[in-house]
Protein backbone atom coordinates (compact mmCIF):
# COMPACT_ATOMS: atom_id res chain seq x y z
CA MET A 1 41.09 -51.63 -41.10
CA PRO A 2 38.93 -48.94 -39.51
CA ASP A 3 40.25 -47.54 -36.27
CA ASN A 4 38.75 -45.99 -33.21
CA ILE A 5 41.61 -43.78 -32.03
CA THR A 6 41.08 -42.19 -28.65
CA PHE A 7 41.58 -38.43 -28.62
CA MET A 8 41.89 -36.44 -25.42
CA SER A 9 40.61 -33.06 -26.63
CA ILE A 10 39.28 -33.40 -30.18
CA PRO A 11 35.61 -34.43 -30.30
CA VAL A 12 34.07 -36.72 -32.90
CA GLY A 13 31.49 -35.56 -35.48
CA ILE A 14 32.92 -32.08 -36.27
CA ARG A 15 30.62 -30.90 -39.10
CA THR A 16 32.46 -27.70 -39.92
CA GLY A 17 35.65 -29.61 -40.68
CA GLY A 18 39.19 -28.29 -40.37
CA VAL A 19 42.63 -29.51 -39.32
CA TYR A 20 42.94 -30.22 -35.61
CA VAL A 21 46.09 -31.65 -34.01
CA GLU A 22 46.30 -32.24 -30.27
CA ILE A 23 49.50 -32.69 -28.25
CA ASP A 24 49.64 -35.98 -26.33
CA HIS A 25 52.57 -36.02 -23.91
CA THR A 26 51.84 -39.41 -22.31
CA LYS A 27 54.42 -41.24 -24.46
CA ALA A 28 57.09 -38.52 -24.36
CA LEU A 29 59.17 -39.65 -21.40
CA ARG A 30 61.65 -42.45 -21.90
CA GLY A 31 64.08 -44.17 -19.59
CA LEU A 32 64.01 -44.37 -15.82
CA PRO A 33 62.48 -41.62 -13.68
CA GLN A 34 64.41 -39.16 -11.56
CA MET A 35 63.19 -38.81 -7.99
CA GLU A 36 62.89 -35.34 -6.52
CA ARG A 37 64.77 -35.63 -3.24
CA LYS A 38 64.91 -33.01 -0.49
CA LEU A 39 66.65 -33.03 2.86
CA LEU A 40 64.88 -31.71 5.94
CA VAL A 41 66.67 -30.46 9.07
CA LEU A 42 64.88 -30.57 12.43
CA GLY A 43 66.38 -28.49 15.22
CA GLN A 44 66.00 -25.45 17.46
CA ARG A 45 66.08 -21.77 16.65
CA LEU A 46 66.91 -18.66 18.67
CA ALA A 47 64.35 -15.95 19.35
CA VAL A 48 66.23 -13.51 17.08
CA GLY A 49 65.57 -15.71 14.05
CA LYS A 50 63.31 -14.25 11.37
CA THR A 51 61.57 -17.50 10.46
CA PRO A 52 58.88 -18.51 12.96
CA ALA A 53 58.91 -21.93 14.56
CA LEU A 54 57.01 -24.74 12.80
CA THR A 55 57.38 -23.07 9.39
CA PRO A 56 59.05 -25.13 6.64
CA SER A 57 61.60 -23.03 4.76
CA ARG A 58 64.43 -23.62 2.33
CA ILE A 59 68.00 -23.09 3.56
CA LEU A 60 70.41 -21.85 0.91
CA ASN A 61 73.51 -21.93 3.10
CA ALA A 62 74.72 -21.32 6.65
CA GLU A 63 74.46 -17.54 6.33
CA ASP A 64 70.87 -17.90 5.25
CA ALA A 65 70.24 -20.17 8.24
CA ALA A 66 71.86 -17.60 10.56
CA GLY A 67 69.36 -14.99 9.42
CA GLN A 68 66.38 -17.31 9.56
CA PHE A 69 67.08 -19.03 12.88
CA GLY A 70 69.71 -16.97 14.65
CA ARG A 71 73.50 -17.14 14.44
CA GLY A 72 74.79 -19.79 16.81
CA SER A 73 71.44 -21.58 16.88
CA MET A 74 71.27 -25.33 16.55
CA LEU A 75 69.92 -25.02 13.02
CA HIS A 76 72.71 -22.62 12.09
CA VAL A 77 75.32 -25.10 13.35
CA MET A 78 73.65 -27.92 11.39
CA ALA A 79 73.53 -25.76 8.25
CA ARG A 80 77.26 -25.07 8.60
CA ALA A 81 77.88 -28.83 8.70
CA LEU A 82 75.80 -29.23 5.53
CA ASP A 83 77.76 -26.45 3.83
CA ALA A 84 80.93 -28.48 4.35
CA VAL A 85 79.23 -31.47 2.70
CA LYS A 86 77.98 -29.39 -0.24
CA GLN A 87 81.40 -27.82 -0.70
CA ARG A 88 82.96 -31.29 -0.88
CA TYR A 89 80.33 -32.98 -3.05
CA GLY A 90 77.71 -30.72 -4.61
CA LEU A 91 74.09 -29.63 -4.56
CA ILE A 92 71.69 -30.78 -1.86
CA ASP A 93 68.24 -29.20 -1.63
CA VAL A 94 67.90 -28.38 2.09
CA TYR A 95 64.85 -27.29 4.08
CA ALA A 96 64.30 -26.81 7.79
CA VAL A 97 61.51 -26.73 10.33
CA ALA A 98 62.53 -24.85 13.46
CA LEU A 99 61.46 -25.66 16.99
CA ASP A 100 61.43 -23.33 19.97
CA ASP A 101 62.98 -24.36 23.27
CA LEU A 102 60.66 -26.19 25.62
CA PRO A 103 59.78 -23.59 28.30
CA ALA A 104 60.13 -26.23 31.01
CA GLY A 105 63.51 -27.35 29.67
CA VAL A 106 66.93 -26.88 31.25
CA ALA A 107 70.09 -25.81 29.42
CA ALA A 108 73.20 -27.98 29.70
CA THR A 109 76.37 -26.55 31.23
CA GLY A 110 80.05 -27.44 31.23
CA SER A 111 83.24 -25.83 32.44
CA ILE A 112 86.95 -25.19 32.09
CA THR A 113 88.75 -24.63 35.40
CA LEU A 114 92.16 -23.00 35.12
CA THR A 115 94.83 -22.95 37.81
CA GLY A 116 98.23 -21.29 38.03
CA THR A 117 99.87 -18.17 36.60
CA VAL A 118 101.38 -17.75 33.12
CA THR A 119 105.18 -17.91 33.23
CA LYS A 120 105.83 -17.66 29.48
CA PRO A 121 103.78 -15.92 26.77
CA GLY A 122 101.62 -18.29 24.80
CA THR A 123 98.19 -19.06 23.40
CA LEU A 124 95.35 -20.83 25.16
CA ALA A 125 93.11 -22.85 22.83
CA ALA A 126 89.71 -24.06 23.94
CA TRP A 127 87.49 -26.44 21.98
CA VAL A 128 83.73 -26.30 22.38
CA GLY A 129 81.60 -28.62 20.26
CA GLY A 130 84.44 -29.07 17.79
CA GLU A 131 85.05 -25.33 17.33
CA ARG A 132 88.29 -23.71 18.45
CA VAL A 133 88.58 -20.45 20.40
CA ARG A 134 92.02 -18.96 21.17
CA VAL A 135 93.19 -16.19 23.48
CA GLY A 136 96.61 -14.73 24.17
CA ALA A 137 98.32 -15.45 27.49
CA SER A 138 100.78 -12.88 28.82
CA ILE A 139 103.39 -13.35 31.51
CA GLY A 140 101.80 -12.83 34.89
CA ASP A 141 98.25 -13.59 33.78
CA THR A 142 96.59 -15.37 36.66
CA ASN A 143 94.05 -18.11 36.20
CA THR A 144 91.33 -15.55 36.98
CA VAL A 145 92.55 -13.14 34.31
CA LEU A 146 92.94 -15.88 31.73
CA ALA A 147 89.49 -17.34 32.50
CA THR A 148 87.95 -13.90 31.99
CA LYS A 149 89.66 -13.57 28.61
CA LEU A 150 88.51 -17.03 27.55
CA ALA A 151 84.91 -16.51 28.64
CA ALA A 152 84.76 -13.25 26.70
CA ALA A 153 86.18 -14.91 23.57
CA ILE A 154 83.73 -17.81 23.73
CA THR A 155 80.74 -15.51 24.14
CA ALA A 156 82.01 -13.24 21.36
CA ASP A 157 82.27 -16.07 18.83
CA PRO A 158 78.99 -15.71 16.90
CA ASP A 159 79.03 -19.24 15.51
CA LEU A 160 79.22 -21.06 18.83
CA PRO A 161 75.95 -22.40 20.29
CA VAL A 162 77.00 -21.43 23.84
CA SER A 163 77.72 -18.49 26.11
CA ALA A 164 80.35 -18.34 28.87
CA ALA A 165 81.00 -16.58 32.15
CA ALA A 166 84.10 -16.56 34.37
CA ALA A 167 84.55 -16.48 38.13
CA ALA A 168 87.61 -17.30 40.24
CA GLY A 169 89.44 -19.02 37.37
CA LYS A 170 86.48 -21.13 36.28
CA VAL A 171 84.77 -20.66 32.91
CA THR A 172 81.18 -21.87 33.00
CA ILE A 173 79.83 -22.69 29.54
CA THR A 174 76.06 -22.72 29.00
CA ALA A 175 74.22 -23.96 25.91
CA TYR A 176 72.03 -21.43 24.15
CA HIS A 177 69.27 -24.03 23.87
CA LYS A 178 67.46 -25.91 26.56
CA GLY A 179 67.24 -29.68 26.19
CA GLU A 180 69.14 -32.92 26.15
CA ALA A 181 70.63 -32.36 22.70
CA SER A 182 73.46 -30.27 24.17
CA ASN A 183 74.50 -32.95 26.65
CA ASP A 184 77.93 -34.44 25.93
CA MET A 185 79.01 -31.43 23.86
CA GLU A 186 82.75 -31.69 24.25
CA VAL A 187 84.79 -29.07 26.12
CA SER A 188 88.55 -29.41 25.78
CA VAL A 189 91.78 -27.44 25.69
CA ALA A 190 93.56 -29.75 23.23
CA TYR A 191 92.71 -31.55 20.00
CA TYR A 192 95.71 -31.14 17.70
CA ASP A 193 99.21 -31.98 18.89
CA GLU A 194 100.10 -28.29 18.74
CA ASP A 195 97.43 -27.38 21.30
CA ALA A 196 99.52 -26.80 24.42
CA LEU A 197 98.56 -24.87 27.53
CA PRO A 198 100.60 -21.76 28.32
CA GLU A 199 103.42 -22.56 30.71
CA GLY A 200 102.33 -22.32 34.33
CA ILE A 201 98.67 -23.09 33.58
CA THR A 202 96.75 -26.30 34.07
CA ALA A 203 93.15 -26.97 33.07
CA ALA A 204 90.32 -29.32 34.01
CA CYS A 205 87.47 -29.64 31.51
CA VAL A 206 83.94 -30.92 31.99
CA ASN A 207 81.69 -31.64 28.99
CA LEU A 208 78.23 -30.12 28.90
CA ALA A 209 75.64 -32.04 30.92
CA GLY A 210 72.42 -31.55 32.83
CA GLY A 211 70.30 -30.46 29.88
CA SER A 212 66.73 -31.75 29.86
CA GLY A 213 63.46 -31.25 28.03
CA ASN A 214 63.83 -31.53 24.26
CA PRO A 215 61.06 -29.91 22.20
CA ASP A 216 58.47 -32.16 20.55
CA VAL A 217 59.30 -33.03 16.93
CA GLY A 218 55.73 -34.23 16.42
CA ALA A 219 54.65 -30.63 15.98
CA ALA A 220 57.30 -30.15 13.27
CA LEU A 221 56.34 -33.36 11.49
CA ALA A 222 52.72 -32.23 11.41
CA THR A 223 53.69 -29.18 9.35
CA ILE A 224 55.13 -31.34 6.55
CA ALA A 225 52.42 -34.02 6.53
CA GLU A 226 51.56 -33.29 2.89
CA ASP A 227 55.11 -32.70 1.64
CA TRP A 228 57.88 -35.13 0.77
CA TYR A 229 61.36 -34.96 2.30
CA TYR A 230 63.45 -38.01 1.51
CA SER A 231 66.12 -37.57 4.19
CA ILE A 232 65.76 -35.94 7.60
CA ALA A 233 68.64 -34.72 9.77
CA CYS A 234 67.31 -34.92 13.31
CA ALA A 235 69.11 -33.42 16.30
CA TYR A 236 67.21 -35.54 18.84
CA THR A 237 67.66 -39.12 19.99
CA ASP A 238 65.40 -39.21 23.04
CA SER A 239 62.83 -42.01 23.08
CA ALA A 240 59.73 -39.81 22.78
CA ASN A 241 60.94 -37.94 19.73
CA LEU A 242 62.26 -41.07 18.03
CA ALA A 243 58.92 -42.79 18.60
CA ALA A 244 57.17 -39.86 16.90
CA ILE A 245 59.58 -39.96 13.96
CA GLU A 246 59.32 -43.73 13.58
CA ALA A 247 55.52 -43.59 13.56
CA ASP A 248 55.49 -40.81 10.98
CA MET A 249 57.98 -42.61 8.75
CA ASP A 250 56.02 -45.87 9.05
CA GLY A 251 52.99 -44.09 7.61
CA ARG A 252 55.00 -42.56 4.78
CA TRP A 253 56.55 -45.93 3.88
CA GLY A 254 53.14 -47.57 3.44
CA GLY A 255 51.56 -48.40 0.10
CA MET A 256 48.95 -45.66 0.26
CA ASN A 257 51.30 -42.76 1.10
CA MET A 258 54.57 -43.82 -0.57
CA ARG A 259 56.41 -40.61 0.42
CA THR A 260 59.30 -42.44 2.00
CA GLY A 261 61.35 -40.62 4.60
CA HIS A 262 64.48 -41.63 6.48
CA ALA A 263 65.85 -39.95 9.61
CA PHE A 264 69.55 -39.64 10.41
CA THR A 265 70.69 -39.17 13.99
CA ALA A 266 74.02 -39.17 15.83
CA ARG A 267 75.11 -40.08 19.34
CA VAL A 268 78.37 -39.72 21.23
CA GLY A 269 79.10 -42.20 24.00
CA THR A 270 81.11 -45.15 25.18
CA HIS A 271 80.90 -48.43 23.35
CA ALA A 272 78.72 -49.91 26.09
CA ALA A 273 76.39 -46.92 26.07
CA LEU A 274 76.01 -46.98 22.28
CA THR A 275 75.35 -50.72 22.00
CA THR A 276 72.88 -50.63 24.89
CA TRP A 277 71.01 -47.75 23.29
CA GLY A 278 71.10 -49.31 19.81
CA ALA A 279 69.85 -52.70 20.99
CA ALA A 280 66.71 -50.99 22.30
CA ARG A 281 65.80 -49.51 18.87
CA ASN A 282 64.18 -51.37 15.98
CA SER A 283 63.07 -49.08 13.17
CA PRO A 284 63.96 -49.39 9.46
CA HIS A 285 63.35 -45.65 9.07
CA VAL A 286 66.08 -44.31 11.38
CA THR A 287 69.85 -44.56 11.05
CA THR A 288 72.17 -43.68 13.93
CA TRP A 289 75.85 -42.85 13.71
CA GLY A 290 77.71 -43.57 16.93
CA LEU A 291 81.16 -42.34 17.95
CA LYS A 292 83.11 -42.10 21.16
CA GLY A 293 84.77 -38.82 22.05
CA CYS A 294 83.90 -37.00 18.82
CA PRO A 295 84.64 -33.29 19.34
CA THR A 296 81.94 -32.25 16.86
CA TRP A 297 78.53 -31.59 18.41
CA ALA A 298 76.08 -34.43 17.76
CA PRO A 299 73.46 -32.33 15.85
CA ALA A 300 76.21 -31.20 13.45
CA MET A 301 77.31 -34.83 13.10
CA ALA A 302 73.73 -35.83 12.24
CA ALA A 303 73.46 -33.09 9.61
CA ALA A 304 76.76 -34.01 7.93
CA PHE A 305 75.85 -37.71 8.05
CA ALA A 306 72.44 -37.08 6.47
CA GLY A 307 73.90 -34.81 3.81
CA VAL A 308 76.54 -37.30 2.71
CA CYS A 309 74.09 -40.20 2.55
CA GLU A 310 71.45 -38.14 0.76
CA PHE A 311 73.88 -36.85 -1.87
CA HIS A 312 75.25 -40.28 -2.76
CA GLY A 313 71.90 -42.08 -2.41
CA ALA A 314 70.31 -39.70 -4.91
CA ILE A 315 72.96 -40.61 -7.48
CA ASP A 316 72.49 -44.37 -7.09
CA PRO A 317 70.46 -45.84 -4.22
CA ALA A 318 72.15 -49.25 -4.56
CA LEU A 319 75.75 -48.02 -4.48
CA PRO A 320 77.40 -48.88 -1.13
CA LEU A 321 77.79 -45.96 1.26
CA ARG A 322 81.26 -47.21 2.05
CA SER A 323 84.57 -45.33 2.15
CA VAL A 324 82.66 -42.08 1.69
CA GLU A 325 84.22 -39.11 3.47
CA VAL A 326 82.13 -37.12 5.94
CA PRO A 327 83.63 -33.62 5.77
CA GLY A 328 83.33 -31.11 8.60
CA VAL A 329 83.33 -33.74 11.37
CA LEU A 330 86.41 -33.98 13.57
CA ALA A 331 87.65 -37.52 14.08
CA PRO A 332 87.77 -38.95 17.58
CA ARG A 333 91.24 -38.91 19.04
CA LEU A 334 93.24 -42.07 18.48
CA ARG A 335 92.53 -43.36 21.99
CA ASP A 336 88.77 -43.01 21.41
CA ARG A 337 88.50 -44.76 18.04
CA PHE A 338 86.71 -48.09 17.98
CA ASN A 339 88.68 -51.09 16.73
CA ARG A 340 87.28 -53.54 14.19
CA ASN A 341 85.77 -55.90 16.76
CA GLU A 342 84.08 -53.00 18.53
CA ARG A 343 82.67 -51.69 15.24
CA GLU A 344 81.38 -55.17 14.40
CA LEU A 345 79.47 -55.21 17.68
CA LEU A 346 78.09 -51.74 17.03
CA LEU A 347 76.73 -52.93 13.69
CA ARG A 348 75.08 -55.90 15.39
CA ASP A 349 73.23 -53.45 17.63
CA GLY A 350 71.95 -51.11 14.94
CA ILE A 351 74.71 -48.45 15.06
CA SER A 352 76.44 -47.36 11.83
CA SER A 353 80.23 -47.49 11.88
CA THR A 354 83.11 -45.22 10.87
CA THR A 355 86.78 -45.40 10.04
CA VAL A 356 89.46 -42.70 10.18
CA ASP A 357 92.44 -42.46 7.84
CA SER A 358 95.98 -41.47 8.78
CA GLY A 359 95.22 -37.84 7.95
CA GLY A 360 92.29 -37.64 10.35
CA LYS A 361 89.54 -37.75 7.72
CA VAL A 362 86.33 -39.51 8.75
CA TYR A 363 84.85 -42.15 6.41
CA LEU A 364 81.65 -44.16 6.53
CA GLU A 365 82.29 -47.86 6.90
CA ARG A 366 78.79 -49.36 6.99
CA VAL A 367 75.47 -47.50 7.04
CA ILE A 368 72.60 -49.48 8.50
CA THR A 369 69.16 -48.77 9.90
CA ASN A 370 68.04 -49.38 13.48
CA TYR A 371 65.98 -52.35 12.24
CA GLN A 372 67.17 -55.65 13.72
CA LYS A 373 64.25 -57.96 14.51
CA SER A 374 60.91 -58.96 12.99
CA PRO A 375 57.66 -58.28 14.88
CA PHE A 376 58.05 -61.82 16.25
CA GLY A 377 61.46 -61.01 17.77
CA ILE A 378 63.43 -63.00 15.19
CA ASP A 379 66.67 -61.59 13.74
CA ASP A 380 65.76 -59.98 10.41
CA GLU A 381 68.17 -58.35 7.94
CA SER A 382 65.56 -57.56 5.27
CA LEU A 383 65.66 -53.81 5.99
CA LEU A 384 68.93 -53.60 7.88
CA ARG A 385 70.99 -52.06 5.08
CA LEU A 386 70.04 -48.54 4.09
CA GLU A 387 70.98 -49.28 0.48
CA THR A 388 68.43 -52.12 0.40
CA LYS A 389 65.64 -49.91 1.67
CA TRP A 390 66.45 -47.11 -0.74
CA THR A 391 66.80 -49.50 -3.70
CA ALA A 392 63.43 -51.11 -2.99
CA ASP A 393 61.86 -47.69 -2.67
CA TYR A 394 63.36 -46.51 -5.96
CA TYR A 395 62.04 -49.65 -7.63
CA ARG A 396 58.58 -48.87 -6.28
CA TYR A 397 58.85 -45.28 -7.50
CA ALA A 398 59.91 -46.44 -10.97
CA VAL A 399 56.93 -48.83 -11.20
CA ARG A 400 54.53 -46.19 -9.96
CA SER A 401 55.84 -43.61 -12.44
CA ARG A 402 55.80 -46.01 -15.38
CA ILE A 403 52.21 -47.19 -14.84
CA ALA A 404 50.91 -43.68 -14.13
CA LEU A 405 52.60 -42.16 -17.18
CA ARG A 406 51.91 -44.98 -19.65
CA PHE A 407 48.27 -45.49 -18.71
CA PRO A 408 46.91 -42.19 -17.36
CA ARG A 409 43.37 -42.48 -18.82
CA HIS A 410 42.73 -45.99 -20.06
CA LYS A 411 39.88 -48.42 -20.20
CA LEU A 412 40.42 -51.85 -18.68
CA ALA A 413 39.50 -55.17 -20.23
CA ASP A 414 40.44 -58.85 -20.01
CA ASP A 415 43.18 -60.32 -22.14
CA GLY A 416 42.02 -61.44 -25.58
CA ILE A 417 39.56 -58.63 -26.22
CA ASN A 418 39.04 -57.89 -29.94
CA ILE A 419 39.24 -54.13 -30.44
CA ALA A 420 40.36 -51.77 -33.16
CA PRO A 421 43.85 -50.29 -32.69
CA GLY A 422 44.42 -46.83 -31.34
CA GLN A 423 42.24 -46.93 -28.28
CA ASN A 424 43.30 -46.07 -24.75
CA LEU A 425 42.63 -49.53 -23.41
CA VAL A 426 44.82 -51.74 -21.28
CA THR A 427 44.75 -55.41 -20.30
CA PRO A 428 46.69 -57.37 -17.66
CA SER A 429 49.03 -58.76 -20.33
CA ILE A 430 49.86 -55.26 -21.59
CA ILE A 431 50.69 -54.16 -18.05
CA ARG A 432 52.76 -57.30 -17.56
CA ALA A 433 54.78 -56.56 -20.68
CA GLU A 434 55.38 -53.00 -19.50
CA LEU A 435 56.59 -54.22 -16.10
CA ILE A 436 58.99 -56.68 -17.72
CA ALA A 437 60.34 -53.96 -20.01
CA LEU A 438 60.85 -51.70 -17.01
CA HIS A 439 62.68 -54.47 -15.17
CA ARG A 440 65.08 -54.83 -18.09
CA GLU A 441 65.82 -51.09 -17.98
CA LEU A 442 66.39 -51.27 -14.24
CA GLU A 443 68.68 -54.25 -14.72
CA GLN A 444 70.76 -52.28 -17.20
CA ALA A 445 70.96 -49.47 -14.65
CA GLY A 446 72.23 -51.87 -11.96
CA ILE A 447 69.18 -51.62 -9.72
CA VAL A 448 67.89 -55.20 -10.14
CA GLU A 449 69.12 -58.46 -11.64
CA ASP A 450 67.77 -61.69 -13.20
CA THR A 451 64.91 -60.56 -15.41
CA ASP A 452 64.17 -64.21 -16.32
CA GLN A 453 63.35 -64.93 -12.66
CA PHE A 454 61.22 -61.79 -12.51
CA LYS A 455 59.21 -62.94 -15.56
CA ARG A 456 58.64 -66.38 -14.07
CA ASP A 457 57.43 -65.10 -10.72
CA LEU A 458 55.57 -61.99 -11.87
CA ILE A 459 51.80 -62.11 -11.34
CA VAL A 460 49.46 -59.59 -12.98
CA SER A 461 45.73 -60.25 -12.86
CA ARG A 462 42.44 -58.47 -12.90
CA SER A 463 40.78 -58.14 -9.51
CA ALA A 464 37.85 -60.42 -8.82
CA ALA A 465 36.43 -57.96 -6.30
CA ASP A 466 36.89 -54.69 -8.22
CA VAL A 467 36.31 -54.62 -11.98
CA ASP A 468 38.31 -51.40 -12.32
CA ARG A 469 41.43 -52.79 -10.65
CA VAL A 470 44.51 -54.81 -11.62
CA ASN A 471 46.52 -56.57 -8.90
CA ALA A 472 50.16 -57.55 -9.21
CA VAL A 473 52.92 -59.33 -7.30
CA LEU A 474 56.29 -57.82 -8.24
CA PRO A 475 59.29 -60.03 -7.37
CA PRO A 476 62.43 -58.03 -8.29
CA ASN A 477 65.83 -59.40 -7.31
CA LEU A 478 67.51 -56.27 -5.97
CA VAL A 479 71.23 -55.90 -6.52
CA ASN A 480 73.43 -56.19 -3.45
CA GLN A 481 76.54 -54.33 -2.31
CA PHE A 482 80.09 -55.60 -2.61
CA VAL A 483 81.23 -55.28 0.99
CA THR A 484 83.39 -58.33 1.74
CA PHE A 485 86.01 -60.30 -0.20
CA ALA A 486 87.33 -63.48 1.39
CA ALA A 487 90.04 -65.73 0.01
CA ALA A 488 92.34 -68.50 1.15
CA VAL A 489 95.96 -68.36 0.01
CA GLN A 490 96.94 -71.98 -0.55
CA TYR A 491 100.54 -71.57 -1.58
CA ARG A 492 102.83 -74.26 -2.93
CA LEU A 493 106.49 -74.89 -2.17
C-alpha cells in the first residue's frame, strides 16, 4: 500500500537523491510526566542585602539568603527554617522575592522586665521568636546590670530579627522590620524544663506587638507573572495581602494559565482567634497553619510548613500529608496544645492542624485549604483537602503534556476518514484512545481509579463552532486519602 508519511524537515521531490534521515523526538517520552516544581518565599529584606527588592532570585541556603537579604532579615529567618526541612528530607528548589519595609509602617516591640539581684551564679536564658540567647549571671548583678547584658547579647546575635536596648532593668526588644508580621513574636525566659532564672531574679515578658503596615505583596507577585512557582511561603496574613494572593492564584488556576500556585501561611493565636479568622477566609489556593503559643516566629513556621508540603507533594500529590514531621519548629508548650476536639473545630474553620509527640516533635495532622463554601454559601468540600487540589492539578498537567507531546503538529479530521498510514493526522477517536491509555497509567501510579467508569463517561468530540478544535469532558475518579478507620468491637463471652 502506498504511504504518505509526514516528514518534519525532509522535503518531497528531491531530484539529486541521497540518504536523508531526520530525528523525530515526538514519540520518545514514555510514562507519566514529571512536574517542575519550585517554592517561592515572600518576605522582607534589610537594606544591607545585596539583592534589590522585587527581584526574583534563587536561594541556595540560609547563608546565601543572609548575603542577599541581610542577616537577621525576615527572608534569612525563613531560609533557615527551610534549611532545617531540606536537611531532614532533601532537595527543594527555593526562590525568593524580597520586599522593602513600608515607609509608613511601625515596628513591633516587646520587653523583658527583670527585678531583683542575683544571689547565686547562674545563667539567664531568653527566648525570642524561638531562638535562645543566654548570658551569665554573677552574684551581686542587679536587674539593671543583667538587663544590660541581655540586651547586648540579643543585639549581638546576628540571626535574630530584632534589636534590644536596656534601661532600669527593662529590656525593650524591637523588630528589625516594620509591619504586622512581627506581632505575637514570642518573648520568654523559659521553654525547656532546664530554663531557670538565676536565684534572686524574677522576670515579666511581653510578646512583640504594635507593629503595623505590611508591605504590598501585589508588587512581588507582579514580578513573577510569567513564571511558575508551585508553592509559596508567605509571611503575611493580613486581609489586603491575602486578597491579592488569592486573586493571583485564581488566575493561575484557570484553564488558560494553568500555572497553579498555592500559598502557605501561619498564624499564632488563641483557639477563638484562629477559628474566627479562619471562618472569614474561603480560598482553595491558601493553606493556613494555626498554633497557640508556638515559640517559633510565624514567618519561619510558614516557610517550614510550605517546605514540608512541597517536598512530599512533589513525590506524590495524592499521598496524605499526615504524620509528617515539620522540623525546625518548636512545639507549643503542653498547656498550649490543642486537644482533639479543638483541632476538629479548627479544621471546620479552614485551619490546618498539628500534633506533637512525646519528644516534642511537631507533626502535621491534616492539611486543608481555606476553602469552605461554594459561591452560593453552601458547605463545599470539593477543594478542601490540599491533596485533592494537587492531585487534580497533576492530572490536568499529565493530560496537557500527553496531548501536546503526542500531537504537536497534526491535521484534524472526523472519525472514519480513509487516509494512507504515516500521516500526522488525528481524529477524536484517536485522542479518546490516548486519554484512556493515560488514565490506565495514572491508575497504576495511584493517582486515579476506575478506568471503566472513565471510559463510560469520557466525551471527546470535534467542535461545531471551530473546525480546528476538539472538545472533551474528562471525568477521572481521583484517589482519596486513608485518614480514618472506624470499627465496632462486638465481643462474645
